[in-house]
Amino acid sequence: MKSIYIILIWFQIIISNIYGQQYNFELLSVEDGLSNNRIMCIEQDSRGFIWLGTDNGLNRYDGYEFKIFREELPSQSIHVIKEDHTKNLWLGTAEGLYIFDCVKEIYRPFTHNPDDHYSLSNNQVSSIVEDDSGTIWIGTHNGLNRYDRKNKRFIRFYNKKNAEKQVLKKSMLVCENYLNLDYINN
């Protein structure tokens, strides 16, 4: 009987080592170099860096230390981060949208201008998605925008029921795997 228990224990140890995965978590905070403990969004880029949007700027973590990017941003509260196929980061804030060139470490701002119907529909950006064709879609608190890379401008999408410049009322949460916008384009 003792040998059966020993075999069962040995078998469980072998199985848990084969199938069990251990995850180690490390708590990182301002004491470790993070600009703020309130993290709004996280994105891992194609080079392996972890980008964190906080209430106090953009942070890049390389696994050892943080580098903080906040000098050029008017809004320090980063709500959304998305890397595109050109390896630039798109940053959504409450005060506009920014493209961050990770190599040159410079920002290009995009904001709402009520006199320019090719500007962003609203400064409060809530979602950013790149579809399979490389098109960037921006969800704001006042509608959906498609970025026209060639002309460096935005195309806004309006509610069909009331086409006289009534932008879709709620921010569009766009999922990469289910992006189907044919009904808007028709």
Protein backbone atom coordinates (compact mmCIF):
# COMPACT_ATOMS: atom_id res chain seq x y z
CA MET A 1 0.00 0.00 0.00
CA LYS A 2 2.89 2.33 0.81
CA SER A 3 4.41 1.77 -2.60
CA ILE A 4 1.13 2.81 -4.32
CA TYR A 5 1.14 6.14 -2.45
CA ILE A 6 4.77 6.71 -3.35
CA ILE A 7 4.04 5.96 -7.01
CA LEU A 8 1.01 8.33 -7.01
CA ILE A 9 3.02 11.12 -5.39
CA TRP A 10 5.89 10.57 -7.82
CA PHE A 11 3.44 10.55 -10.75
CA GLN A 12 1.83 13.82 -9.58
CA ILE A 13 5.24 15.50 -9.25
CA ILE A 14 6.19 14.42 -12.78
CA ILE A 15 2.87 15.57 -14.27
CA SER A 16 2.93 18.93 -12.48
CA ASN A 17 6.46 19.59 -13.74
CA ILE A 18 5.48 18.73 -17.30
CA TYR A 19 2.14 20.55 -17.49
CA GLY A 20 2.38 23.15 -14.76
CA GLN A 21 3.62 26.59 -15.67
CA GLN A 22 4.83 28.99 -13.09
CA TYR A 23 4.37 32.70 -13.55
CA ASN A 24 6.41 35.12 -11.54
CA PHE A 25 5.04 38.59 -11.02
CA GLU A 26 7.01 41.57 -9.89
CA LEU A 27 5.30 44.72 -8.63
CA LEU A 28 6.82 47.83 -10.19
CA SER A 29 6.02 51.32 -8.95
CA VAL A 30 7.30 54.89 -8.83
CA GLU A 31 10.09 53.66 -6.55
CA ASP A 32 11.34 51.61 -9.53
CA GLY A 33 11.19 54.58 -11.94
CA LEU A 34 7.57 54.46 -13.17
CA SER A 35 6.20 58.00 -13.63
CA ASN A 36 2.89 57.23 -11.88
CA ASN A 37 1.31 54.20 -10.21
CA ARG A 38 -1.99 54.67 -12.07
CA ILE A 39 -1.50 52.75 -15.31
CA MET A 40 -4.19 53.42 -17.92
CA CYS A 41 -2.97 51.15 -20.75
CA ILE A 42 -0.18 48.74 -21.73
CA GLU A 43 1.27 47.75 -25.12
CA GLN A 44 4.21 45.50 -25.95
CA ASP A 45 5.90 46.62 -29.15
CA SER A 46 7.55 44.55 -31.87
CA ARG A 47 10.97 45.04 -30.26
CA GLY A 48 9.83 43.66 -26.91
CA PHE A 49 9.55 46.94 -24.99
CA ILE A 50 6.59 47.34 -22.67
CA TRP A 51 4.90 50.74 -23.04
CA LEU A 52 2.74 52.00 -20.19
CA GLY A 53 0.39 54.95 -20.40
CA THR A 54 -0.11 56.57 -17.01
CA ASP A 55 -1.70 59.71 -15.60
CA ASN A 56 1.79 61.23 -15.71
CA GLY A 57 3.23 60.39 -19.11
CA LEU A 58 4.38 57.59 -21.37
CA ASN A 59 6.78 55.01 -19.91
CA ARG A 60 8.95 52.45 -21.71
CA TYR A 61 10.12 49.42 -19.73
CA ASP A 62 12.92 47.24 -21.10
CA GLY A 63 12.76 44.61 -18.36
CA TYR A 64 15.33 46.41 -16.23
CA GLU A 65 14.47 50.09 -16.07
CA PHE A 66 11.95 52.72 -17.13
CA LYS A 67 12.40 55.60 -19.54
CA ILE A 68 9.77 58.32 -19.25
CA PHE A 69 8.55 60.34 -22.26
CA ARG A 70 6.44 63.33 -21.32
CA GLU A 71 8.16 66.57 -22.31
CA GLU A 72 6.36 67.06 -25.62
CA LEU A 73 2.87 65.88 -24.68
CA PRO A 74 0.31 68.53 -23.68
CA SER A 75 -1.74 65.81 -21.99
CA GLN A 76 0.18 63.61 -19.60
CA SER A 77 -2.72 61.18 -19.18
CA ILE A 78 -2.32 58.45 -21.81
CA HIS A 79 -5.53 56.40 -22.26
CA VAL A 80 -4.67 54.20 -25.28
CA ILE A 81 -1.45 52.92 -26.89
CA LYS A 82 -1.28 51.03 -30.19
CA GLU A 83 1.77 50.13 -32.30
CA ASP A 84 1.13 50.19 -36.05
CA HIS A 85 2.81 48.20 -38.84
CA THR A 86 5.38 50.99 -39.35
CA LYS A 87 6.46 50.53 -35.71
CA ASN A 88 5.14 53.92 -34.59
CA LEU A 89 3.05 54.24 -31.44
CA TRP A 90 -0.37 55.87 -31.57
CA LEU A 91 -1.25 57.52 -28.26
CA GLY A 92 -4.78 58.48 -27.30
CA THR A 93 -5.30 61.13 -24.63
CA ALA A 94 -8.08 63.39 -23.39
CA GLU A 95 -6.50 66.24 -25.34
CA GLY A 96 -5.91 64.58 -28.71
CA LEU A 97 -4.08 61.89 -30.62
CA TYR A 98 -0.31 61.59 -31.07
CA ILE A 99 1.93 59.47 -33.28
CA PHE A 100 5.18 58.73 -31.47
CA ASP A 101 8.21 57.89 -33.61
CA CYS A 102 10.10 55.49 -31.34
CA VAL A 103 13.40 55.89 -33.20
CA LYS A 104 13.51 59.71 -33.32
CA GLU A 105 11.51 60.01 -30.06
CA ILE A 106 9.26 62.75 -31.43
CA TYR A 107 5.49 63.24 -31.42
CA ARG A 108 3.11 64.34 -34.14
CA PRO A 109 -0.13 65.75 -32.71
CA PHE A 110 -3.66 65.50 -34.10
CA THR A 111 -6.50 67.42 -32.48
CA HIS A 112 -10.09 68.37 -33.15
CA ASN A 113 -10.59 71.62 -35.05
CA PRO A 114 -14.24 72.63 -35.42
CA ASP A 115 -13.40 74.56 -38.62
CA ASP A 116 -11.70 71.57 -40.29
CA HIS A 117 -13.96 68.61 -41.11
CA TYR A 118 -10.82 66.54 -41.86
CA SER A 119 -9.57 66.87 -38.30
CA LEU A 120 -10.22 64.39 -35.51
CA SER A 121 -13.92 64.35 -34.53
CA ASN A 122 -13.10 64.85 -30.81
CA ASN A 123 -9.98 65.15 -28.65
CA GLN A 124 -11.00 62.45 -26.18
CA VAL A 125 -9.60 59.28 -27.75
CA SER A 126 -10.94 56.01 -26.34
CA SER A 127 -9.77 53.34 -28.82
CA ILE A 128 -7.19 52.83 -31.58
CA VAL A 129 -7.09 49.86 -33.95
CA GLU A 130 -5.13 49.00 -37.08
CA ASP A 131 -7.01 46.67 -39.41
CA ASP A 132 -5.49 43.99 -41.66
CA SER A 133 -4.98 46.48 -44.51
CA GLY A 134 -2.99 48.88 -42.28
CA THR A 135 -5.78 51.42 -41.87
CA ILE A 136 -5.89 53.15 -38.48
CA TRP A 137 -9.33 53.58 -36.87
CA ILE A 138 -9.79 56.00 -33.98
CA GLY A 139 -12.74 55.86 -31.60
CA THR A 140 -13.41 59.13 -29.79
CA HIS A 141 -16.09 60.36 -27.41
CA ASN A 142 -17.82 61.84 -30.45
CA GLY A 143 -17.50 59.27 -33.21
CA LEU A 144 -15.37 57.05 -35.38
CA ASN A 145 -12.47 58.31 -37.53
CA ARG A 146 -10.39 56.65 -40.23
CA TYR A 147 -6.88 57.99 -40.77
CA ASP A 148 -5.99 58.71 -44.40
CA ARG A 149 -2.20 58.14 -44.40
CA LYS A 150 -1.69 59.52 -47.90
CA ASN A 151 -3.31 62.89 -47.19
CA LYS A 152 -2.58 62.90 -43.43
CA ARG A 153 -6.18 63.62 -42.47
CA PHE A 154 -9.20 61.94 -40.92
CA ILE A 155 -12.42 60.75 -42.46
CA ARG A 156 -15.34 60.93 -40.03
CA PHE A 157 -18.28 58.56 -40.12
CA TYR A 158 -21.79 59.83 -39.51
CA ASN A 159 -24.96 58.22 -38.30
CA LYS A 160 -27.16 57.36 -41.33
CA LYS A 161 -30.40 58.12 -39.50
CA ASN A 162 -29.52 61.77 -39.13
CA ALA A 163 -26.89 62.53 -41.76
CA GLU A 164 -26.72 66.29 -41.19
CA LYS A 165 -23.30 66.11 -39.52
CA GLN A 166 -24.47 64.14 -36.53
CA VAL A 167 -21.50 62.01 -35.64
CA LEU A 168 -22.06 58.59 -34.12
CA LYS A 169 -23.05 59.35 -30.55
CA LYS A 170 -20.96 56.84 -28.68
CA SER A 171 -17.34 56.00 -29.04
CA MET A 172 -16.90 52.95 -31.24
CA LEU A 173 -15.05 50.13 -29.57
CA VAL A 174 -13.41 48.51 -32.56
CA CYS A 175 -12.19 44.94 -32.19
CA GLU A 176 -9.41 43.89 -34.54
CA ASN A 177 -10.82 40.42 -35.19
CA TYR A 178 -14.37 41.62 -35.84
CA LEU A 179 -13.76 44.81 -37.80
CA ASN A 180 -16.64 44.98 -40.28
CA LEU A 181 -17.49 48.49 -41.32
CA ASP A 182 -19.31 47.86 -44.62
CA TYR A 183 -22.59 49.08 -43.15
CA ILE A 184 -21.05 52.49 -42.45
CA ASN A 185 -19.54 52.91 -45.90
CA ASN A 186 -22.75 52.15 -47.83
